[in-house]
Protein backbone atom coordinates (compact mmCIF):
# COMPACT_ATOMS: atom_id res chain seq x y z
CA MET A 1 21.20 149.93 93.35
CA VAL A 2 22.96 153.28 92.60
CA ALA A 3 20.86 153.90 89.43
CA GLY A 4 17.63 153.21 91.22
CA ILE A 5 17.04 149.90 89.10
CA ASP A 6 15.63 147.31 91.31
CA LYS A 7 16.45 144.38 89.05
CA TYR A 8 17.54 143.41 85.45
CA PHE A 9 18.60 140.32 83.56
CA GLN A 10 20.70 139.55 80.52
CA ILE A 11 21.26 136.36 78.33
CA VAL A 12 24.91 136.25 77.40
CA LYS A 13 27.54 133.98 76.06
CA CYS A 14 30.33 133.33 78.83
CA PHE A 15 33.76 131.74 78.78
CA ARG A 16 34.50 130.04 82.05
CA ASP A 17 37.87 131.31 83.18
CA GLU A 18 38.49 128.20 85.49
CA ASP A 19 40.14 124.83 85.22
CA LEU A 20 38.51 122.45 83.00
CA ARG A 21 36.22 119.70 84.51
CA ALA A 22 34.76 116.68 82.90
CA ASP A 23 31.15 117.94 83.74
CA ARG A 24 31.70 121.57 82.59
CA GLN A 25 31.52 123.38 79.22
CA PRO A 26 34.20 125.94 78.96
CA GLU A 27 31.66 128.10 77.07
CA PHE A 28 27.99 128.46 77.73
CA THR A 29 24.96 130.66 77.80
CA GLN A 30 23.98 132.26 80.95
CA ILE A 31 20.93 133.90 82.27
CA ASP A 32 22.37 136.52 84.60
CA CYS A 33 20.03 138.17 86.86
CA GLU A 34 20.99 141.22 89.17
CA MET A 35 18.53 142.11 91.81
CA SER A 36 18.50 144.71 94.76
CA PHE A 37 17.20 144.45 98.20
CA VAL A 38 15.95 140.83 97.93
CA HIS A 39 15.55 137.81 100.19
CA ILE A 40 15.89 134.09 99.43
CA GLU A 41 12.34 133.66 98.56
CA ASP A 42 12.45 136.43 96.06
CA ILE A 43 15.40 134.68 94.17
CA LEU A 44 13.68 131.18 94.37
CA ASN A 45 10.47 132.43 93.18
CA THR A 46 11.86 134.58 90.34
CA PHE A 47 13.99 131.68 88.79
CA GLU A 48 11.34 128.97 89.36
CA GLY A 49 8.77 131.28 87.55
CA LEU A 50 11.36 131.89 84.75
CA ALA A 51 12.06 128.09 84.37
CA ARG A 52 8.34 127.09 84.51
CA HIS A 53 7.45 129.77 81.97
CA LEU A 54 10.11 128.62 79.63
CA PHE A 55 9.27 125.01 79.72
CA LEU A 56 5.58 125.76 79.28
CA GLN A 57 6.15 127.97 76.31
CA THR A 58 8.87 126.03 74.45
CA LEU A 59 8.18 122.32 75.25
CA HIS A 60 4.55 122.57 76.55
CA ILE A 61 5.42 120.96 79.82
CA ASP A 62 4.18 122.14 83.12
CA LEU A 63 6.82 121.45 85.67
CA GLY A 64 4.70 122.21 88.80
CA ASP A 65 6.17 123.66 91.99
CA PHE A 66 9.88 122.70 92.50
CA PRO A 67 10.47 120.49 95.54
CA ARG A 68 13.05 121.79 98.06
CA MET A 69 15.68 119.68 99.73
CA SER A 70 18.47 120.57 102.20
CA TYR A 71 22.07 120.00 101.25
CA ASP A 72 22.39 117.62 104.21
CA ASP A 73 19.43 115.45 103.02
CA ALA A 74 20.65 115.50 99.46
CA MET A 75 24.04 114.06 100.46
CA ARG A 76 22.50 111.66 102.95
CA LEU A 77 19.96 110.15 100.51
CA TYR A 78 21.81 110.56 97.20
CA GLY A 79 25.35 111.43 97.81
CA SER A 80 25.07 114.39 95.60
CA ASP A 81 24.36 118.09 95.83
CA LYS A 82 22.47 117.89 92.52
CA PRO A 83 20.55 114.61 92.81
CA ASP A 84 18.64 113.03 89.93
CA LEU A 85 15.16 112.58 91.11
CA ARG A 86 14.00 110.98 87.72
CA PHE A 87 14.10 107.59 89.63
CA ASP A 88 14.05 106.41 93.16
CA MET A 89 16.72 104.32 94.65
CA GLN A 90 17.50 106.35 97.93
CA PHE A 91 20.51 105.56 100.02
CA VAL A 92 19.96 103.26 103.15
CA GLU A 93 22.76 103.71 105.83
CA MET A 94 23.53 100.36 107.38
CA ASN A 95 25.98 100.94 110.23
CA ASP A 96 23.42 100.11 112.81
CA PHE A 97 22.75 96.61 111.60
CA ALA A 98 25.85 95.67 109.29
CA LYS A 99 28.66 96.13 111.71
CA GLY A 100 29.95 93.85 114.48
CA LYS A 101 29.59 90.66 112.61
CA GLY A 102 33.23 89.86 112.02
CA PHE A 103 33.34 91.37 108.60
CA SER A 104 36.23 93.81 108.85
CA VAL A 105 35.42 95.57 105.46
CA PHE A 106 32.29 96.89 107.21
CA ASP A 107 33.41 96.98 110.85
CA ASP A 108 36.50 99.28 109.90
CA ALA A 109 34.52 101.63 107.75
CA GLU A 110 33.24 104.95 108.67
CA LEU A 111 30.06 104.33 106.84
CA VAL A 112 28.30 101.27 105.35
CA VAL A 113 25.50 102.22 102.80
CA GLY A 114 23.54 100.67 100.11
CA ILE A 115 20.92 100.96 97.38
CA CYS A 116 18.22 98.68 96.21
CA ALA A 117 17.73 98.02 92.43
CA LYS A 118 14.22 96.62 91.55
CA GLY A 119 13.60 93.52 89.56
CA ILE A 120 17.20 92.48 88.40
CA ALA A 121 18.18 89.58 90.53
CA GLU A 122 17.28 86.96 87.81
CA THR A 123 18.72 88.95 84.87
CA TYR A 124 21.84 90.14 86.48
CA SER A 125 24.52 87.47 85.92
CA ASN A 126 27.71 86.89 87.83
CA LYS A 127 29.53 88.53 84.87
CA ASP A 128 27.24 91.61 85.16
CA MET A 129 28.15 91.84 88.80
CA LYS A 130 31.88 91.37 88.16
CA ASP A 131 31.76 94.14 85.24
CA LEU A 132 29.83 96.42 87.67
CA THR A 133 32.58 95.88 90.42
CA GLU A 134 35.45 96.67 87.87
CA TRP A 135 33.65 99.71 86.83
CA LEU A 136 33.51 101.09 90.41
CA GLN A 137 37.11 100.21 90.83
CA ARG A 138 38.46 102.41 88.16
CA PRO A 139 40.56 105.23 89.20
CA GLN A 140 37.74 107.76 88.29
CA ILE A 141 35.64 106.30 91.05
CA GLY A 142 38.02 104.49 93.28
CA ALA A 143 35.77 101.99 95.25
CA LYS A 144 37.65 99.06 96.75
CA GLY A 145 34.80 96.61 96.04
CA LEU A 146 31.30 95.84 95.76
CA VAL A 147 28.95 93.74 97.98
CA TYR A 148 25.55 92.68 96.82
CA VAL A 149 22.57 90.66 98.05
CA LYS A 150 20.12 89.01 95.55
CA TYR A 151 16.74 88.46 96.84
CA GLN A 152 15.71 85.63 94.61
CA GLU A 153 12.16 85.04 93.11
CA ASP A 154 11.87 81.87 95.26
CA GLY A 155 12.52 83.80 98.48
CA SER A 156 16.14 82.63 98.91
CA ILE A 157 19.08 84.97 99.53
CA LYS A 158 22.29 84.95 97.57
CA SER A 159 25.01 87.10 98.72
CA THR A 160 28.84 87.85 98.70
CA VAL A 161 28.96 88.08 102.34
CA SER A 162 26.82 84.93 103.20
CA LYS A 163 29.86 83.75 105.17
CA PHE A 164 29.41 86.66 107.71
CA TYR A 165 25.72 87.00 107.78
CA THR A 166 22.83 84.45 108.19
CA ASP A 167 20.05 84.31 105.67
CA GLU A 168 17.73 85.72 108.62
CA GLU A 169 20.13 88.60 108.96
CA LEU A 170 20.19 89.17 105.26
CA HIS A 171 16.26 89.05 105.04
CA GLN A 172 16.37 91.77 107.74
CA TRP A 173 18.51 93.82 105.45
CA ALA A 174 15.99 93.32 102.73
CA ALA A 175 13.28 94.49 105.11
CA LYS A 176 15.31 97.83 105.80
CA PHE A 177 15.63 98.48 102.24
CA GLY A 178 11.98 97.66 101.46
CA ALA A 179 13.38 94.98 98.92
CA GLU A 180 11.02 92.52 97.35
CA LYS A 181 11.56 89.26 95.66
CA GLY A 182 13.70 89.94 92.56
CA ASP A 183 15.44 92.91 93.84
CA VAL A 184 19.21 93.33 94.54
CA ILE A 185 20.87 95.38 97.31
CA PHE A 186 24.30 96.99 96.42
CA VAL A 187 26.48 98.08 99.31
CA LEU A 188 29.59 100.10 99.61
CA SER A 189 31.77 101.08 102.65
CA GLY A 190 34.65 103.20 103.64
CA GLU A 191 35.20 106.95 104.23
CA ALA A 192 31.92 108.45 104.59
CA GLU A 193 32.14 111.40 102.02
CA LYS A 194 34.11 109.27 99.33
CA THR A 195 31.73 106.35 99.76
CA ARG A 196 28.51 108.52 99.36
CA LYS A 197 29.97 109.79 96.19
CA GLN A 198 31.05 106.42 94.83
CA LEU A 199 27.43 105.10 95.52
CA ASN A 200 25.97 108.17 93.72
CA GLU A 201 27.97 107.04 90.65
CA LEU A 202 26.69 103.50 90.99
CA ARG A 203 23.12 104.77 91.27
CA LEU A 204 23.38 107.04 88.23
CA GLU A 205 24.86 104.10 86.26
CA LEU A 206 22.27 101.68 87.17
CA GLY A 207 19.71 104.39 86.38
CA LYS A 208 21.02 104.35 82.84
CA LYS A 209 21.57 100.64 82.41
CA LEU A 210 18.06 99.76 83.69
CA GLY A 211 16.32 102.45 81.59
CA LEU A 212 15.10 104.39 84.61
CA ILE A 213 16.11 107.79 83.09
CA LYS A 214 13.44 108.66 80.56
CA ALA A 215 14.05 111.00 77.69
CA GLY A 216 11.78 114.23 78.20
CA ASP A 217 11.37 113.48 81.95
CA PHE A 218 12.38 116.66 83.95
CA LYS A 219 12.61 116.75 87.88
CA PRO A 220 14.02 120.03 89.01
CA LEU A 221 14.45 120.90 92.61
CA TRP A 222 16.12 123.41 94.81
CA VAL A 223 18.93 122.25 97.06
CA LEU A 224 19.20 124.62 99.96
CA ASP A 225 21.29 125.35 102.90
CA PHE A 226 24.84 124.59 101.39
CA PRO A 227 27.59 124.81 103.92
CA LEU A 228 29.77 128.01 103.33
CA LEU A 229 33.04 126.10 103.76
CA GLU A 230 34.52 122.62 103.31
CA TRP A 231 37.46 120.96 104.67
CA ASP A 232 40.55 120.43 102.37
CA GLU A 233 42.50 117.26 103.45
CA GLU A 234 45.67 118.20 101.46
CA ALA A 235 45.85 121.85 102.60
CA GLY A 236 44.74 121.17 106.12
CA ARG A 237 42.27 123.88 106.20
CA PHE A 238 38.90 125.05 105.26
CA HIS A 239 38.04 126.63 101.92
CA ALA A 240 34.99 128.05 100.19
CA MET A 241 32.52 125.28 98.88
CA HIS A 242 32.34 124.89 95.15
CA HIS A 243 28.78 125.03 93.99
CA PRO A 244 27.45 123.57 90.81
CA PHE A 245 25.15 126.68 90.51
CA THR A 246 24.75 130.01 92.27
CA SER A 247 22.55 128.63 95.14
CA PRO A 248 21.27 130.17 98.46
CA LYS A 249 23.88 129.51 101.23
CA LYS A 250 24.10 129.83 104.88
CA LYS A 251 26.99 129.22 107.40
CA THR A 252 26.91 125.92 109.13
């Protein structure tokens, strides 16, 4: 601003002077853009145009316009502030129709939420379900358990909670999820924020196991309206949100 230059960018090797994280490289290449007197649309359009140009020139892929999603919708539908849109499997919140049936695991939970995996009811064995449950119960994820509902090809229902819910009720679950014969509904419950994160891990794992994430398939999007602060349970106070990338923010 002082020099009268409205904008510039640099491509530079950076060393991240922060605590190590499993999903971060300590050293990376950054495109750093400095812009004067700009609004949110200037930033979005500049970097969207840059990304589209790079993909078209280097990979001959036209990404098209980037979809936009609010932070709240990303967390509600995918349990992540950087959702993978290369496959579907959106979350369905189940509090309204899963609670109040005497199943304390659901009744005592802040959130009951699930996803629908297509076409695996006949191929996923009890061992597969056990392995998936144990994978979720690892300390890295911390889920207490996994409930599933198999909508069999013959129209019957097989579930780990059949003791508490009638077949008619479980068929109603299937309708809420848009499930068809051959599909499986996976359900987690507990504290809302933790449960969403756990279900996101399950969604991504199923995406890999079922071959839903295709090499060379790119689905960029803008996640907007990040909250400025988040609550820190251990410290008993708010602190600044950690963002996976520099993103437009507003106070909420």
